[in-house]
Amino acid sequence: MPTELPITDVLRDAITRSGTAYRELERVSGVKRQSLMKFARGEQTLRLDMADKLAAYFGLALRLSEKAIRKSK
């Protein structure tokens, strides 16, 4: 069974791999540079609204597993 990464790991990886300057990420997402830097270093978490903005910028989306869909019925 494949192991899914936590959402924070996926987002942190997207930030790091993008190579986009924190100032640019702040400009396009509205998330403060200091928050981005601390999150990328693993020193703090992000509020959900901040994570949403960054996920939208990077084109990331959640998908429900078949198990989650069955539970919701």
PDB file of N, CA and C in Angstrom:
ATOM      1  N   MET A   1       0.847  -1.171   0.000  1.00  0.00           N
ATOM      2  CA  MET A   1       0.000   0.000   0.000  1.00  0.00           C
ATOM      3  C   MET A   1       0.900   1.244   0.000  1.00  0.00           C
ATOM      4  N   PRO A   2       0.694   2.173  -0.952  1.00  0.00           N
ATOM      5  CA  PRO A   2       1.540   3.374  -0.986  1.00  0.00           C
ATOM      6  C   PRO A   2       1.269   4.276   0.208  1.00  0.00           C
ATOM      7  N   THR A   3       2.316   4.864   0.700  1.00  0.00           N
ATOM      8  CA  THR A   3       2.198   5.786   1.819  1.00  0.00           C
ATOM      9  C   THR A   3       2.119   7.206   1.265  1.00  0.00           C
ATOM     10  N   GLU A   4       1.110   7.921   1.678  1.00  0.00           N
ATOM     11  CA  GLU A   4       0.937   9.302   1.244  1.00  0.00           C
ATOM     12  C   GLU A   4       1.727  10.223   2.170  1.00  0.00           C
ATOM     13  N   LEU A   5       2.286  11.257   1.603  1.00  0.00           N
ATOM     14  CA  LEU A   5       3.009  12.249   2.395  1.00  0.00           C
ATOM     15  C   LEU A   5       2.018  13.193   3.066  1.00  0.00           C
ATOM     16  N   PRO A   6       2.367  13.691   4.245  1.00  0.00           N
ATOM     17  CA  PRO A   6       1.527  14.721   4.870  1.00  0.00           C
ATOM     18  C   PRO A   6       1.472  15.966   3.983  1.00  0.00           C
ATOM     19  N   ILE A   7       0.365  16.665   4.058  1.00  0.00           N
ATOM     20  CA  ILE A   7       0.169  17.865   3.243  1.00  0.00           C
ATOM     21  C   ILE A   7       1.300  18.864   3.463  1.00  0.00           C
ATOM     22  N   THR A   8       1.735  19.020   4.705  1.00  0.00           N
ATOM     23  CA  THR A   8       2.799  19.990   4.979  1.00  0.00           C
ATOM     24  C   THR A   8       4.094  19.605   4.278  1.00  0.00           C
ATOM     25  N   ASP A   9       4.393  18.308   4.205  1.00  0.00           N
ATOM     26  CA  ASP A   9       5.610  17.873   3.504  1.00  0.00           C
ATOM     27  C   ASP A   9       5.534  18.183   2.016  1.00  0.00           C
ATOM     28  N   VAL A  10       4.369  17.962   1.423  1.00  0.00           N
ATOM     29  CA  VAL A  10       4.190  18.240  -0.006  1.00  0.00           C
ATOM     30  C   VAL A  10       4.355  19.727  -0.265  1.00  0.00           C
ATOM     31  N   LEU A  11       3.754  20.549   0.565  1.00  0.00           N
ATOM     32  CA  LEU A  11       3.837  21.993   0.392  1.00  0.00           C
ATOM     33  C   LEU A  11       5.257  22.499   0.625  1.00  0.00           C
ATOM     34  N   ARG A  12       5.902  22.007   1.667  1.00  0.00           N
ATOM     35  CA  ARG A  12       7.280  22.403   1.958  1.00  0.00           C
ATOM     36  C   ARG A  12       8.204  22.026   0.789  1.00  0.00           C
ATOM     37  N   ASP A  13       7.997  20.844   0.242  1.00  0.00           N
ATOM     38  CA  ASP A  13       8.789  20.386  -0.887  1.00  0.00           C
ATOM     39  C   ASP A  13       8.558  21.269  -2.125  1.00  0.00           C
ATOM     40  N   ALA A  14       7.306  21.654  -2.357  1.00  0.00           N
ATOM     41  CA  ALA A  14       6.995  22.520  -3.498  1.00  0.00           C
ATOM     42  C   ALA A  14       7.697  23.870  -3.364  1.00  0.00           C
ATOM     43  N   ILE A  15       7.694  24.419  -2.165  1.00  0.00           N
ATOM     44  CA  ILE A  15       8.357  25.702  -1.922  1.00  0.00           C
ATOM     45  C   ILE A  15       9.855  25.570  -2.188  1.00  0.00           C
ATOM     46  N   THR A  16      10.452  24.533  -1.633  1.00  0.00           N
ATOM     47  CA  THR A  16      11.894  24.350  -1.750  1.00  0.00           C
ATOM     48  C   THR A  16      12.315  24.075  -3.192  1.00  0.00           C
ATOM     49  N   ARG A  17      11.622  23.157  -3.845  1.00  0.00           N
ATOM     50  CA  ARG A  17      11.988  22.772  -5.215  1.00  0.00           C
ATOM     51  C   ARG A  17      11.755  23.881  -6.232  1.00  0.00           C
ATOM     52  N   SER A  18      10.814  24.772  -5.949  1.00  0.00           N
ATOM     53  CA  SER A  18      10.489  25.814  -6.924  1.00  0.00           C
ATOM     54  C   SER A  18      11.661  26.761  -7.158  1.00  0.00           C
ATOM     55  N   GLY A  19      12.460  26.961  -6.101  1.00  0.00           N
ATOM     56  CA  GLY A  19      13.563  27.910  -6.225  1.00  0.00           C
ATOM     57  C   GLY A  19      13.088  29.352  -6.276  1.00  0.00           C
ATOM     58  N   THR A  20      11.797  29.572  -6.070  1.00  0.00           N
ATOM     59  CA  THR A  20      11.240  30.919  -6.094  1.00  0.00           C
ATOM     60  C   THR A  20      11.672  31.660  -4.834  1.00  0.00           C
ATOM     61  N   ALA A  21      12.108  32.880  -5.020  1.00  0.00           N
ATOM     62  CA  ALA A  21      12.540  33.691  -3.880  1.00  0.00           C
ATOM     63  C   ALA A  21      11.369  33.921  -2.925  1.00  0.00           C
ATOM     64  N   TYR A  22      11.663  33.947  -1.637  1.00  0.00           N
ATOM     65  CA  TYR A  22      10.619  34.157  -0.640  1.00  0.00           C
ATOM     66  C   TYR A  22       9.908  35.491  -0.843  1.00  0.00           C
ATOM     67  N   ARG A  23      10.630  36.491  -1.281  1.00  0.00           N
ATOM     68  CA  ARG A  23       9.992  37.790  -1.539  1.00  0.00           C
ATOM     69  C   ARG A  23       8.943  37.671  -2.646  1.00  0.00           C
ATOM     70  N   GLU A  24       9.251  36.905  -3.685  1.00  0.00           N
ATOM     71  CA  GLU A  24       8.306  36.700  -4.782  1.00  0.00           C
ATOM     72  C   GLU A  24       7.094  35.896  -4.307  1.00  0.00           C
ATOM     73  N   LEU A  25       7.348  34.847  -3.513  1.00  0.00           N
ATOM     74  CA  LEU A  25       6.233  34.065  -2.976  1.00  0.00           C
ATOM     75  C   LEU A  25       5.332  34.928  -2.097  1.00  0.00           C
ATOM     76  N   GLU A  26       5.943  35.814  -1.335  1.00  0.00           N
ATOM     77  CA  GLU A  26       5.164  36.726  -0.497  1.00  0.00           C
ATOM     78  C   GLU A  26       4.304  37.632  -1.373  1.00  0.00           C
ATOM     79  N   ARG A  27       4.891  38.132  -2.436  1.00  0.00           N
ATOM     80  CA  ARG A  27       4.179  39.045  -3.329  1.00  0.00           C
ATOM     81  C   ARG A  27       2.980  38.363  -3.997  1.00  0.00           C
ATOM     82  N   VAL A  28       3.170  37.153  -4.498  1.00  0.00           N
ATOM     83  CA  VAL A  28       2.106  36.496  -5.249  1.00  0.00           C
ATOM     84  C   VAL A  28       1.068  35.799  -4.369  1.00  0.00           C
ATOM     85  N   SER A  29       1.471  35.432  -3.146  1.00  0.00           N
ATOM     86  CA  SER A  29       0.549  34.672  -2.299  1.00  0.00           C
ATOM     87  C   SER A  29      -0.032  35.477  -1.143  1.00  0.00           C
ATOM     88  N   GLY A  30       0.664  36.527  -0.736  1.00  0.00           N
ATOM     89  CA  GLY A  30       0.220  37.284   0.427  1.00  0.00           C
ATOM     90  C   GLY A  30       0.686  36.684   1.746  1.00  0.00           C
ATOM     91  N   VAL A  31       1.444  35.585   1.681  1.00  0.00           N
ATOM     92  CA  VAL A  31       1.976  34.951   2.890  1.00  0.00           C
ATOM     93  C   VAL A  31       3.308  35.628   3.216  1.00  0.00           C
ATOM     94  N   LYS A  32       3.452  36.094   4.422  1.00  0.00           N
ATOM     95  CA  LYS A  32       4.659  36.825   4.824  1.00  0.00           C
ATOM     96  C   LYS A  32       5.928  36.002   4.621  1.00  0.00           C
ATOM     97  N   ARG A  33       6.951  36.671   4.153  1.00  0.00           N
ATOM     98  CA  ARG A  33       8.245  36.030   3.874  1.00  0.00           C
ATOM     99  C   ARG A  33       8.787  35.315   5.108  1.00  0.00           C
ATOM    100  N   GLN A  34       8.683  35.944   6.250  1.00  0.00           N
ATOM    101  CA  GLN A  34       9.182  35.347   7.488  1.00  0.00           C
ATOM    102  C   GLN A  34       8.466  34.028   7.787  1.00  0.00           C
ATOM    103  N   SER A  35       7.152  34.006   7.571  1.00  0.00           N
ATOM    104  CA  SER A  35       6.381  32.775   7.779  1.00  0.00           C
ATOM    105  C   SER A  35       6.819  31.698   6.799  1.00  0.00           C
ATOM    106  N   LEU A  36       7.050  32.083   5.552  1.00  0.00           N
ATOM    107  CA  LEU A  36       7.508  31.123   4.542  1.00  0.00           C
ATOM    108  C   LEU A  36       8.858  30.524   4.925  1.00  0.00           C
ATOM    109  N   MET A  37       9.763  31.375   5.357  1.00  0.00           N
ATOM    110  CA  MET A  37      11.104  30.916   5.717  1.00  0.00           C
ATOM    111  C   MET A  37      11.058  29.962   6.905  1.00  0.00           C
ATOM    112  N   LYS A  38      10.311  30.321   7.935  1.00  0.00           N
ATOM    113  CA  LYS A  38      10.215  29.464   9.122  1.00  0.00           C
ATOM    114  C   LYS A  38       9.527  28.140   8.797  1.00  0.00           C
ATOM    115  N   PHE A  39       8.503  28.181   7.940  1.00  0.00           N
ATOM    116  CA  PHE A  39       7.826  26.955   7.534  1.00  0.00           C
ATOM    117  C   PHE A  39       8.775  26.051   6.748  1.00  0.00           C
ATOM    118  N   ALA A  40       9.505  26.635   5.802  1.00  0.00           N
ATOM    119  CA  ALA A  40      10.432  25.853   4.974  1.00  0.00           C
ATOM    120  C   ALA A  40      11.521  25.189   5.816  1.00  0.00           C
ATOM    121  N   ARG A  41      11.925  25.853   6.906  1.00  0.00           N
ATOM    122  CA  ARG A  41      12.941  25.274   7.800  1.00  0.00           C
ATOM    123  C   ARG A  41      12.344  24.308   8.817  1.00  0.00           C
ATOM    124  N   GLY A  42      11.026  24.194   8.841  1.00  0.00           N
ATOM    125  CA  GLY A  42      10.368  23.296   9.780  1.00  0.00           C
ATOM    126  C   GLY A  42      10.226  23.867  11.175  1.00  0.00           C
ATOM    127  N   GLU A  43      10.367  25.178  11.315  1.00  0.00           N
ATOM    128  CA  GLU A  43      10.300  25.827  12.620  1.00  0.00           C
ATOM    129  C   GLU A  43       8.893  26.237  13.028  1.00  0.00           C
ATOM    130  N   GLN A  44       7.989  26.329  12.063  1.00  0.00           N
ATOM    131  CA  GLN A  44       6.614  26.705  12.392  1.00  0.00           C
ATOM    132  C   GLN A  44       5.680  26.126  11.337  1.00  0.00           C
ATOM    133  N   THR A  45       4.416  26.066  11.707  1.00  0.00           N
ATOM    134  CA  THR A  45       3.395  25.611  10.772  1.00  0.00           C
ATOM    135  C   THR A  45       2.782  26.826  10.083  1.00  0.00           C
ATOM    136  N   LEU A  46       1.905  26.557   9.126  1.00  0.00           N
ATOM    137  CA  LEU A  46       1.176  27.623   8.456  1.00  0.00           C
ATOM    138  C   LEU A  46      -0.297  27.500   8.791  1.00  0.00           C
ATOM    139  N   ARG A  47      -0.967  28.625   8.882  1.00  0.00           N
ATOM    140  CA  ARG A  47      -2.424  28.581   9.012  1.00  0.00           C
ATOM    141  C   ARG A  47      -2.995  27.991   7.728  1.00  0.00           C
ATOM    142  N   LEU A  48      -4.171  27.436   7.826  1.00  0.00           N
ATOM    143  CA  LEU A  48      -4.784  26.784   6.682  1.00  0.00           C
ATOM    144  C   LEU A  48      -5.018  27.750   5.527  1.00  0.00           C
ATOM    145  N   ASP A  49      -5.402  28.983   5.815  1.00  0.00           N
ATOM    146  CA  ASP A  49      -5.631  29.943   4.733  1.00  0.00           C
ATOM    147  C   ASP A  49      -4.331  30.257   3.988  1.00  0.00           C
ATOM    148  N   MET A  50      -3.216  30.282   4.710  1.00  0.00           N
ATOM    149  CA  MET A  50      -1.922  30.503   4.069  1.00  0.00           C
ATOM    150  C   MET A  50      -1.553  29.308   3.188  1.00  0.00           C
ATOM    151  N   ALA A  51      -1.766  28.117   3.722  1.00  0.00           N
ATOM    152  CA  ALA A  51      -1.477  26.899   2.961  1.00  0.00           C
ATOM    153  C   ALA A  51      -2.330  26.849   1.697  1.00  0.00           C
ATOM    154  N   ASP A  52      -3.591  27.270   1.798  1.00  0.00           N
ATOM    155  CA  ASP A  52      -4.471  27.305   0.630  1.00  0.00           C
ATOM    156  C   ASP A  52      -3.917  28.218  -0.460  1.00  0.00           C
ATOM    157  N   LYS A  53      -3.449  29.385  -0.064  1.00  0.00           N
ATOM    158  CA  LYS A  53      -2.905  30.341  -1.036  1.00  0.00           C
ATOM    159  C   LYS A  53      -1.671  29.770  -1.729  1.00  0.00           C
ATOM    160  N   LEU A  54      -0.796  29.160  -0.957  1.00  0.00           N
ATOM    161  CA  LEU A  54       0.416  28.582  -1.537  1.00  0.00           C
ATOM    162  C   LEU A  54       0.094  27.376  -2.413  1.00  0.00           C
ATOM    163  N   ALA A  55      -0.828  26.544  -1.969  1.00  0.00           N
ATOM    164  CA  ALA A  55      -1.223  25.379  -2.773  1.00  0.00           C
ATOM    165  C   ALA A  55      -1.802  25.837  -4.111  1.00  0.00           C
ATOM    166  N   ALA A  56      -2.604  26.883  -4.095  1.00  0.00           N
ATOM    167  CA  ALA A  56      -3.166  27.415  -5.339  1.00  0.00           C
ATOM    168  C   ALA A  56      -2.054  27.914  -6.253  1.00  0.00           C
ATOM    169  N   TYR A  57      -1.090  28.613  -5.697  1.00  0.00           N
ATOM    170  CA  TYR A  57       0.024  29.129  -6.493  1.00  0.00           C
ATOM    171  C   TYR A  57       0.805  27.993  -7.154  1.00  0.00           C
ATOM    172  N   PHE A  58       1.038  26.919  -6.411  1.00  0.00           N
ATOM    173  CA  PHE A  58       1.817  25.800  -6.937  1.00  0.00           C
ATOM    174  C   PHE A  58       0.968  24.783  -7.703  1.00  0.00           C
ATOM    175  N   GLY A  59      -0.331  25.007  -7.763  1.00  0.00           N
ATOM    176  CA  GLY A  59      -1.212  24.093  -8.483  1.00  0.00           C
ATOM    177  C   GLY A  59      -1.408  22.769  -7.767  1.00  0.00           C
ATOM    178  N   LEU A  60      -1.364  22.795  -6.446  1.00  0.00           N
ATOM    179  CA  LEU A  60      -1.557  21.589  -5.652  1.00  0.00           C
ATOM    180  C   LEU A  60      -3.016  21.483  -5.234  1.00  0.00           C
ATOM    181  N   ALA A  61      -3.510  20.248  -5.154  1.00  0.00           N
ATOM    182  CA  ALA A  61      -4.886  20.024  -4.720  1.00  0.00           C
ATOM    183  C   ALA A  61      -4.965  18.717  -3.952  1.00  0.00           C
ATOM    184  N   LEU A  62      -5.907  18.637  -3.043  1.00  0.00           N
ATOM    185  CA  LEU A  62      -6.158  17.399  -2.315  1.00  0.00           C
ATOM    186  C   LEU A  62      -7.084  16.527  -3.141  1.00  0.00           C
ATOM    187  N   ARG A  63      -6.929  15.232  -2.982  1.00  0.00           N
ATOM    188  CA  ARG A  63      -7.898  14.327  -3.594  1.00  0.00           C
ATOM    189  C   ARG A  63      -8.299  13.323  -2.531  1.00  0.00           C
ATOM    190  N   LEU A  64      -9.545  12.940  -2.565  1.00  0.00           N
ATOM    191  CA  LEU A  64     -10.058  11.975  -1.611  1.00  0.00           C
ATOM    192  C   LEU A  64      -9.720  10.565  -2.068  1.00  0.00           C
ATOM    193  N   SER A  65      -9.334   9.747  -1.128  1.00  0.00           N
ATOM    194  CA  SER A  65      -9.085   8.343  -1.427  1.00  0.00           C
ATOM    195  C   SER A  65     -10.419   7.608  -1.509  1.00  0.00           C
ATOM    196  N   GLU A  66     -10.401   6.445  -2.110  1.00  0.00           N
ATOM    197  CA  GLU A  66     -11.618   5.616  -2.181  1.00  0.00           C
ATOM    198  C   GLU A  66     -12.131   5.320  -0.771  1.00  0.00           C
ATOM    199  N   LYS A  67     -11.215   5.098   0.170  1.00  0.00           N
ATOM    200  CA  LYS A  67     -11.587   4.811   1.550  1.00  0.00           C
ATOM    201  C   LYS A  67     -12.350   5.995   2.157  1.00  0.00           C
ATOM    202  N   ALA A  68     -11.866   7.211   1.926  1.00  0.00           N
ATOM    203  CA  ALA A  68     -12.533   8.408   2.455  1.00  0.00           C
ATOM    204  C   ALA A  68     -13.907   8.594   1.819  1.00  0.00           C
ATOM    205  N   ILE A  69     -14.017   8.281   0.544  1.00  0.00           N
ATOM    206  CA  ILE A  69     -15.285   8.414  -0.148  1.00  0.00           C
ATOM    207  C   ILE A  69     -16.294   7.414   0.421  1.00  0.00           C
ATOM    208  N   ARG A  70     -15.861   6.181   0.640  1.00  0.00           N
ATOM    209  CA  ARG A  70     -16.756   5.154   1.203  1.00  0.00           C
ATOM    210  C   ARG A  70     -17.222   5.556   2.599  1.00  0.00           C
ATOM    211  N   LYS A  71     -16.329   6.128   3.410  1.00  0.00           N
ATOM    212  CA  LYS A  71     -16.695   6.526   4.773  1.00  0.00           C
ATOM    213  C   LYS A  71     -17.727   7.639   4.781  1.00  0.00           C
ATOM    214  N   SER A  72     -17.684   8.507   3.774  1.00  0.00           N
ATOM    215  CA  SER A  72     -18.593   9.653   3.753  1.00  0.00           C
ATOM    216  C   SER A  72     -20.003   9.272   3.330  1.00  0.00           C
ATOM    217  N   LYS A  73     -20.189   8.068   2.819  1.00  0.00           N
ATOM    218  CA  LYS A  73     -21.527   7.642   2.350  1.00  0.00           C
ATOM    219  C   LYS A  73     -22.332   7.028   3.442  1.00  0.00           C
TER     220      LYS A  73
END
